[in-house]
């Protein structure tokens, strides 16, 4: 990527089970991207390592971080656990001249968009309610009450798709992966992302 454009923030949201984490991985295959690692108070799931996709912290530490203003956004999800995006990742992305990828929910996305309206927001949609329920059940992590809660939350979250710049329907993961990468590459070509470089090119013409 070099100095081809100013680093940007890419927001990826979608209901639990929509496949957004898989598509974030596809997005991170692009050179010049890096992941914002969220802080959360929920316990690690089987196979999860601290600092890989999440930084697991105690409730008290999370509250201290919020009180010190260390989060770009934060929210309580499902009325149980808190999630937040530490500002340090934005500073690091800018220093490294990389696009920062945020995998956050609609509450967090709204907070970031208010602070950074130039960010690019992508909403991931499952092909149907039936397919979403199938994916959630296949994970084997939730009881019936939790599954019902996730499906209802998915319905409520999907009403916010109109607040996003792009919608990707994740029916075929390879095609959806191509779509999110195309969005990121297209966003890099926006005028405001390239203003400084174009100005330098214009100066080379003289006059």
C-alpha atoms as a PDB file:
ATOM      1  CA  UNK A   1       0.000   0.000   0.000  1.00  0.00           C
ATOM      2  CA  UNK A   2       2.810   2.408   0.825  1.00  0.00           C
ATOM      3  CA  UNK A   3       1.685   6.025   0.692  1.00  0.00           C
ATOM      4  CA  UNK A   4      -1.045   5.428  -1.886  1.00  0.00           C
ATOM      5  CA  UNK A   5      -3.830   6.678   0.388  1.00  0.00           C
ATOM      6  CA  UNK A   6      -4.581   7.892   3.873  1.00  0.00           C
ATOM      7  CA  UNK A   7      -5.373   5.010   6.278  1.00  0.00           C
ATOM      8  CA  UNK A   8      -9.080   4.431   6.783  1.00  0.00           C
ATOM      9  CA  UNK A   9     -11.378   2.740   9.278  1.00  0.00           C
ATOM     10  CA  UNK A  10     -13.428  -0.210   8.007  1.00  0.00           C
ATOM     11  CA  UNK A  11     -16.402  -1.175  10.203  1.00  0.00           C
ATOM     12  CA  UNK A  12     -17.881  -4.670   9.867  1.00  0.00           C
ATOM     13  CA  UNK A  13     -21.131  -5.494  11.673  1.00  0.00           C
ATOM     14  CA  UNK A  14     -23.765  -8.182  11.443  1.00  0.00           C
ATOM     15  CA  UNK A  15     -25.869 -10.553  13.544  1.00  0.00           C
ATOM     16  CA  UNK A  16     -24.230 -13.349  15.497  1.00  0.00           C
ATOM     17  CA  UNK A  17     -23.925 -16.258  13.069  1.00  0.00           C
ATOM     18  CA  UNK A  18     -23.898 -14.097   9.930  1.00  0.00           C
ATOM     19  CA  UNK A  19     -20.271 -15.051   9.269  1.00  0.00           C
ATOM     20  CA  UNK A  20     -18.800 -11.605   9.872  1.00  0.00           C
ATOM     21  CA  UNK A  21     -15.713 -12.970  11.654  1.00  0.00           C
ATOM     22  CA  UNK A  22     -14.918 -15.191   8.674  1.00  0.00           C
ATOM     23  CA  UNK A  23     -15.341 -12.237   6.326  1.00  0.00           C
ATOM     24  CA  UNK A  24     -13.137 -10.056   8.515  1.00  0.00           C
ATOM     25  CA  UNK A  25     -10.429 -12.687   8.065  1.00  0.00           C
ATOM     26  CA  UNK A  26     -10.956 -12.423   4.295  1.00  0.00           C
ATOM     27  CA  UNK A  27     -10.655  -8.650   4.566  1.00  0.00           C
ATOM     28  CA  UNK A  28      -7.429  -8.936   6.543  1.00  0.00           C
ATOM     29  CA  UNK A  29      -5.903 -10.888   3.653  1.00  0.00           C
ATOM     30  CA  UNK A  30      -5.544  -7.538   1.889  1.00  0.00           C
ATOM     31  CA  UNK A  31      -2.072  -6.024   2.297  1.00  0.00           C
ATOM     32  CA  UNK A  32      -2.161  -2.846   4.329  1.00  0.00           C
ATOM     33  CA  UNK A  33      -4.899  -3.857   6.772  1.00  0.00           C
ATOM     34  CA  UNK A  34      -4.797  -4.603  10.487  1.00  0.00           C
ATOM     35  CA  UNK A  35      -7.333  -5.748  13.070  1.00  0.00           C
ATOM     36  CA  UNK A  36      -8.550  -3.752  16.019  1.00  0.00           C
ATOM     37  CA  UNK A  37      -8.566  -6.199  18.945  1.00  0.00           C
ATOM     38  CA  UNK A  38     -11.622  -5.576  21.105  1.00  0.00           C
ATOM     39  CA  UNK A  39     -11.590  -5.679  24.881  1.00  0.00           C
ATOM     40  CA  UNK A  40     -14.368  -7.761  26.410  1.00  0.00           C
ATOM     41  CA  UNK A  41     -15.533  -8.902  29.823  1.00  0.00           C
ATOM     42  CA  UNK A  42     -16.867 -12.220  28.551  1.00  0.00           C
ATOM     43  CA  UNK A  43     -14.840 -15.360  29.299  1.00  0.00           C
ATOM     44  CA  UNK A  44     -12.810 -16.942  26.478  1.00  0.00           C
ATOM     45  CA  UNK A  45     -14.496 -19.664  24.452  1.00  0.00           C
ATOM     46  CA  UNK A  46     -12.801 -22.959  23.679  1.00  0.00           C
ATOM     47  CA  UNK A  47      -9.751 -22.372  21.518  1.00  0.00           C
ATOM     48  CA  UNK A  48      -9.680 -18.593  21.978  1.00  0.00           C
ATOM     49  CA  UNK A  49      -6.388 -16.973  22.969  1.00  0.00           C
ATOM     50  CA  UNK A  50      -6.087 -13.625  24.708  1.00  0.00           C
ATOM     51  CA  UNK A  51      -4.854 -10.948  22.333  1.00  0.00           C
ATOM     52  CA  UNK A  52      -5.685 -12.823  19.133  1.00  0.00           C
ATOM     53  CA  UNK A  53      -9.217 -11.578  18.414  1.00  0.00           C
ATOM     54  CA  UNK A  54     -10.154 -10.331  21.877  1.00  0.00           C
ATOM     55  CA  UNK A  55      -8.416  -9.033  24.958  1.00  0.00           C
ATOM     56  CA  UNK A  56     -10.238 -10.549  27.942  1.00  0.00           C
ATOM     57  CA  UNK A  57     -10.478  -8.251  30.949  1.00  0.00           C
ATOM     58  CA  UNK A  58     -12.338  -8.214  34.264  1.00  0.00           C
ATOM     59  CA  UNK A  59     -15.412  -6.013  34.689  1.00  0.00           C
ATOM     60  CA  UNK A  60     -13.546  -3.698  37.054  1.00  0.00           C
ATOM     61  CA  UNK A  61     -10.660  -3.201  34.605  1.00  0.00           C
ATOM     62  CA  UNK A  62     -13.106  -2.555  31.750  1.00  0.00           C
ATOM     63  CA  UNK A  63     -14.829   0.146  33.806  1.00  0.00           C
ATOM     64  CA  UNK A  64     -11.469   1.734  34.608  1.00  0.00           C
ATOM     65  CA  UNK A  65     -10.542   1.764  30.916  1.00  0.00           C
ATOM     66  CA  UNK A  66     -13.869   3.389  30.065  1.00  0.00           C
ATOM     67  CA  UNK A  67     -13.421   5.932  32.856  1.00  0.00           C
ATOM     68  CA  UNK A  68      -9.983   6.876  31.519  1.00  0.00           C
ATOM     69  CA  UNK A  69     -11.472   7.464  28.075  1.00  0.00           C
ATOM     70  CA  UNK A  70      -9.471   4.658  26.471  1.00  0.00           C
ATOM     71  CA  UNK A  71     -12.271   3.418  24.198  1.00  0.00           C
ATOM     72  CA  UNK A  72     -13.250   4.639  20.758  1.00  0.00           C
ATOM     73  CA  UNK A  73     -16.582   2.925  21.460  1.00  0.00           C
ATOM     74  CA  UNK A  74     -17.982   0.479  23.981  1.00  0.00           C
ATOM     75  CA  UNK A  75     -21.292  -1.172  24.813  1.00  0.00           C
ATOM     76  CA  UNK A  76     -22.928  -3.924  26.827  1.00  0.00           C
ATOM     77  CA  UNK A  77     -24.151  -6.763  24.591  1.00  0.00           C
ATOM     78  CA  UNK A  78     -27.068  -9.064  25.406  1.00  0.00           C
ATOM     79  CA  UNK A  79     -27.272  -7.249  28.748  1.00  0.00           C
ATOM     80  CA  UNK A  80     -24.408  -9.435  29.978  1.00  0.00           C
ATOM     81  CA  UNK A  81     -20.906  -8.689  28.771  1.00  0.00           C
ATOM     82  CA  UNK A  82     -19.195  -5.476  27.679  1.00  0.00           C
ATOM     83  CA  UNK A  83     -17.153  -4.952  24.517  1.00  0.00           C
ATOM     84  CA  UNK A  84     -15.006  -1.978  23.585  1.00  0.00           C
ATOM     85  CA  UNK A  85     -12.575  -0.756  20.922  1.00  0.00           C
ATOM     86  CA  UNK A  86      -9.381   0.662  22.472  1.00  0.00           C
ATOM     87  CA  UNK A  87      -8.255   3.919  20.856  1.00  0.00           C
ATOM     88  CA  UNK A  88      -4.664   2.648  20.805  1.00  0.00           C
ATOM     89  CA  UNK A  89      -5.405   0.549  17.707  1.00  0.00           C
ATOM     90  CA  UNK A  90      -6.435   3.638  15.766  1.00  0.00           C
ATOM     91  CA  UNK A  91      -3.213   5.386  16.771  1.00  0.00           C
ATOM     92  CA  UNK A  92      -1.172   2.332  15.766  1.00  0.00           C
ATOM     93  CA  UNK A  93      -2.934   1.986  12.413  1.00  0.00           C
ATOM     94  CA  UNK A  94      -2.235   5.615  11.588  1.00  0.00           C
ATOM     95  CA  UNK A  95       1.397   5.262  12.627  1.00  0.00           C
ATOM     96  CA  UNK A  96       1.789   2.153  10.468  1.00  0.00           C
ATOM     97  CA  UNK A  97      -0.284   3.667   7.608  1.00  0.00           C
ATOM     98  CA  UNK A  98      -2.655   0.716   7.574  1.00  0.00           C
ATOM     99  CA  UNK A  99      -6.420   0.456   7.261  1.00  0.00           C
ATOM    100  CA  UNK A 100      -7.996  -0.499  10.583  1.00  0.00           C
ATOM    101  CA  UNK A 101     -10.712  -3.178  10.578  1.00  0.00           C
ATOM    102  CA  UNK A 102     -13.288  -3.012  13.383  1.00  0.00           C
ATOM    103  CA  UNK A 103     -15.612  -5.951  13.978  1.00  0.00           C
ATOM    104  CA  UNK A 104     -18.256  -4.308  16.152  1.00  0.00           C
ATOM    105  CA  UNK A 105     -22.015  -4.367  16.731  1.00  0.00           C
ATOM    106  CA  UNK A 106     -24.539  -1.747  15.624  1.00  0.00           C
ATOM    107  CA  UNK A 107     -24.242   0.180  18.901  1.00  0.00           C
ATOM    108  CA  UNK A 108     -20.486   0.472  18.535  1.00  0.00           C
ATOM    109  CA  UNK A 109     -20.746   1.298  14.843  1.00  0.00           C
ATOM    110  CA  UNK A 110     -23.089   4.190  15.598  1.00  0.00           C
ATOM    111  CA  UNK A 111     -20.618   5.604  18.132  1.00  0.00           C
ATOM    112  CA  UNK A 112     -17.675   5.326  15.722  1.00  0.00           C
ATOM    113  CA  UNK A 113     -19.629   6.847  12.823  1.00  0.00           C
ATOM    114  CA  UNK A 114     -20.494   9.892  14.923  1.00  0.00           C
ATOM    115  CA  UNK A 115     -16.824  10.413  15.769  1.00  0.00           C
ATOM    116  CA  UNK A 116     -15.471   9.339  12.369  1.00  0.00           C
ATOM    117  CA  UNK A 117     -18.083   9.952   9.641  1.00  0.00           C
ATOM    118  CA  UNK A 118     -15.470   9.227   6.973  1.00  0.00           C
ATOM    119  CA  UNK A 119     -15.238   5.577   8.090  1.00  0.00           C
ATOM    120  CA  UNK A 120     -16.552   2.844   5.778  1.00  0.00           C
ATOM    121  CA  UNK A 121     -19.338   0.702   7.256  1.00  0.00           C
ATOM    122  CA  UNK A 122     -20.212  -2.788   5.958  1.00  0.00           C
ATOM    123  CA  UNK A 123     -23.192  -4.792   7.223  1.00  0.00           C
ATOM    124  CA  UNK A 124     -23.172  -8.595   6.836  1.00  0.00           C
ATOM    125  CA  UNK A 125     -26.560 -10.232   6.301  1.00  0.00           C
ATOM    126  CA  UNK A 126     -27.376 -13.970   6.472  1.00  0.00           C
ATOM    127  CA  UNK A 127     -29.335 -15.350   3.496  1.00  0.00           C
ATOM    128  CA  UNK A 128     -32.378 -16.195   5.658  1.00  0.00           C
ATOM    129  CA  UNK A 129     -33.591 -16.620   9.217  1.00  0.00           C
ATOM    130  CA  UNK A 130     -33.569 -20.378   8.731  1.00  0.00           C
ATOM    131  CA  UNK A 131     -29.947 -20.397   7.625  1.00  0.00           C
ATOM    132  CA  UNK A 132     -28.951 -18.155  10.522  1.00  0.00           C
ATOM    133  CA  UNK A 133     -30.613 -20.473  13.039  1.00  0.00           C
ATOM    134  CA  UNK A 134     -28.882 -23.446  11.401  1.00  0.00           C
ATOM    135  CA  UNK A 135     -25.479 -21.757  11.765  1.00  0.00           C
ATOM    136  CA  UNK A 136     -26.088 -20.816  15.392  1.00  0.00           C
ATOM    137  CA  UNK A 137     -27.181 -24.357  16.269  1.00  0.00           C
ATOM    138  CA  UNK A 138     -24.191 -25.844  14.427  1.00  0.00           C
ATOM    139  CA  UNK A 139     -21.834 -24.036  16.794  1.00  0.00           C
ATOM    140  CA  UNK A 140     -23.305 -25.960  19.723  1.00  0.00           C
ATOM    141  CA  UNK A 141     -22.638 -23.122  22.177  1.00  0.00           C
ATOM    142  CA  UNK A 142     -26.146 -21.966  23.124  1.00  0.00           C
ATOM    143  CA  UNK A 143     -29.247 -23.373  24.818  1.00  0.00           C
ATOM    144  CA  UNK A 144     -32.746 -22.840  23.404  1.00  0.00           C
ATOM    145  CA  UNK A 145     -33.330 -19.587  25.280  1.00  0.00           C
ATOM    146  CA  UNK A 146     -30.013 -18.182  24.083  1.00  0.00           C
ATOM    147  CA  UNK A 147     -30.747 -19.215  20.495  1.00  0.00           C
ATOM    148  CA  UNK A 148     -34.136 -17.487  20.632  1.00  0.00           C
ATOM    149  CA  UNK A 149     -32.506 -14.364  22.064  1.00  0.00           C
ATOM    150  CA  UNK A 150     -29.846 -14.326  19.351  1.00  0.00           C
ATOM    151  CA  UNK A 151     -32.448 -14.679  16.605  1.00  0.00           C
ATOM    152  CA  UNK A 152     -34.543 -11.852  18.020  1.00  0.00           C
ATOM    153  CA  UNK A 153     -31.465  -9.665  18.390  1.00  0.00           C
ATOM    154  CA  UNK A 154     -30.524 -10.493  14.791  1.00  0.00           C
ATOM    155  CA  UNK A 155     -33.906  -9.223  13.637  1.00  0.00           C
ATOM    156  CA  UNK A 156     -33.453  -5.983  15.560  1.00  0.00           C
ATOM    157  CA  UNK A 157     -29.861  -5.511  14.356  1.00  0.00           C
ATOM    158  CA  UNK A 158     -30.791  -6.071  10.720  1.00  0.00           C
ATOM    159  CA  UNK A 159     -33.181  -3.123  10.867  1.00  0.00           C
ATOM    160  CA  UNK A 160     -30.046  -0.949  11.052  1.00  0.00           C
ATOM    161  CA  UNK A 161     -28.685  -2.055   7.671  1.00  0.00           C
ATOM    162  CA  UNK A 162     -29.819   1.270   6.195  1.00  0.00           C
ATOM    163  CA  UNK A 163     -27.264   3.046   8.404  1.00  0.00           C
ATOM    164  CA  UNK A 164     -24.371   1.311   6.626  1.00  0.00           C
ATOM    165  CA  UNK A 165     -22.580   2.221   3.414  1.00  0.00           C
ATOM    166  CA  UNK A 166     -22.583  -1.332   2.081  1.00  0.00           C
ATOM    167  CA  UNK A 167     -24.524  -4.549   2.614  1.00  0.00           C
ATOM    168  CA  UNK A 168     -23.050  -7.974   1.847  1.00  0.00           C
ATOM    169  CA  UNK A 169     -25.372 -10.984   1.879  1.00  0.00           C
ATOM    170  CA  UNK A 170     -23.263 -13.904   3.039  1.00  0.00           C
ATOM    171  CA  UNK A 171     -24.755 -16.794   1.096  1.00  0.00           C
ATOM    172  CA  UNK A 172     -21.481 -17.951  -0.436  1.00  0.00           C
ATOM    173  CA  UNK A 173     -18.468 -17.176   1.739  1.00  0.00           C
ATOM    174  CA  UNK A 174     -15.997 -16.896  -1.156  1.00  0.00           C
ATOM    175  CA  UNK A 175     -18.205 -14.467  -3.067  1.00  0.00           C
ATOM    176  CA  UNK A 176     -18.909 -12.507   0.113  1.00  0.00           C
ATOM    177  CA  UNK A 177     -15.169 -12.400   0.812  1.00  0.00           C
ATOM    178  CA  UNK A 178     -14.542 -11.009  -2.670  1.00  0.00           C
ATOM    179  CA  UNK A 179     -17.229  -8.391  -2.001  1.00  0.00           C
ATOM    180  CA  UNK A 180     -15.773  -7.068   1.259  1.00  0.00           C
ATOM    181  CA  UNK A 181     -12.292  -6.905  -0.252  1.00  0.00           C
ATOM    182  CA  UNK A 182     -13.677  -5.037  -3.276  1.00  0.00           C
ATOM    183  CA  UNK A 183     -15.369  -2.549  -0.955  1.00  0.00           C
ATOM    184  CA  UNK A 184     -12.116  -1.930   0.895  1.00  0.00           C
ATOM    185  CA  UNK A 185     -10.134  -1.515  -2.331  1.00  0.00           C
ATOM    186  CA  UNK A 186     -12.757   0.817  -3.767  1.00  0.00           C
ATOM    187  CA  UNK A 187     -12.751   2.901  -0.605  1.00  0.00           C
ATOM    188  CA  UNK A 188      -8.991   3.352  -0.950  1.00  0.00           C
ATOM    189  CA  UNK A 189      -9.659   5.137  -4.242  1.00  0.00           C
ATOM    190  CA  UNK A 190     -11.941   7.761  -2.707  1.00  0.00           C
ATOM    191  CA  UNK A 191     -10.875  11.323  -3.418  1.00  0.00           C
ATOM    192  CA  UNK A 192     -10.329  12.269   0.225  1.00  0.00           C
ATOM    193  CA  UNK A 193      -8.129   9.212   0.745  1.00  0.00           C
ATOM    194  CA  UNK A 194      -5.811  10.310  -2.070  1.00  0.00           C
ATOM    195  CA  UNK A 195      -5.927  14.096  -1.884  1.00  0.00           C
ATOM    196  CA  UNK A 196      -2.359  14.595  -0.672  1.00  0.00           C
ATOM    197  CA  UNK A 197      -0.850  12.226  -3.213  1.00  0.00           C
ATOM    198  CA  UNK A 198      -2.760  13.786  -6.108  1.00  0.00           C
ATOM    199  CA  UNK A 199      -1.672  17.247  -4.971  1.00  0.00           C
ATOM    200  CA  UNK A 200       1.950  16.092  -5.105  1.00  0.00           C
ATOM    201  CA  UNK A 201       1.393  14.729  -8.610  1.00  0.00           C
ATOM    202  CA  UNK A 202      -0.198  17.995  -9.699  1.00  0.00           C
ATOM    203  CA  UNK A 203       2.816  19.921  -8.409  1.00  0.00           C
ATOM    204  CA  UNK A 204       5.053  17.772 -10.616  1.00  0.00           C
ATOM    205  CA  UNK A 205       3.324  19.313 -13.637  1.00  0.00           C
ATOM    206  CA  UNK A 206       4.495  22.757 -12.598  1.00  0.00           C
ATOM    207  CA  UNK A 207       2.569  25.920 -13.410  1.00  0.00           C
END
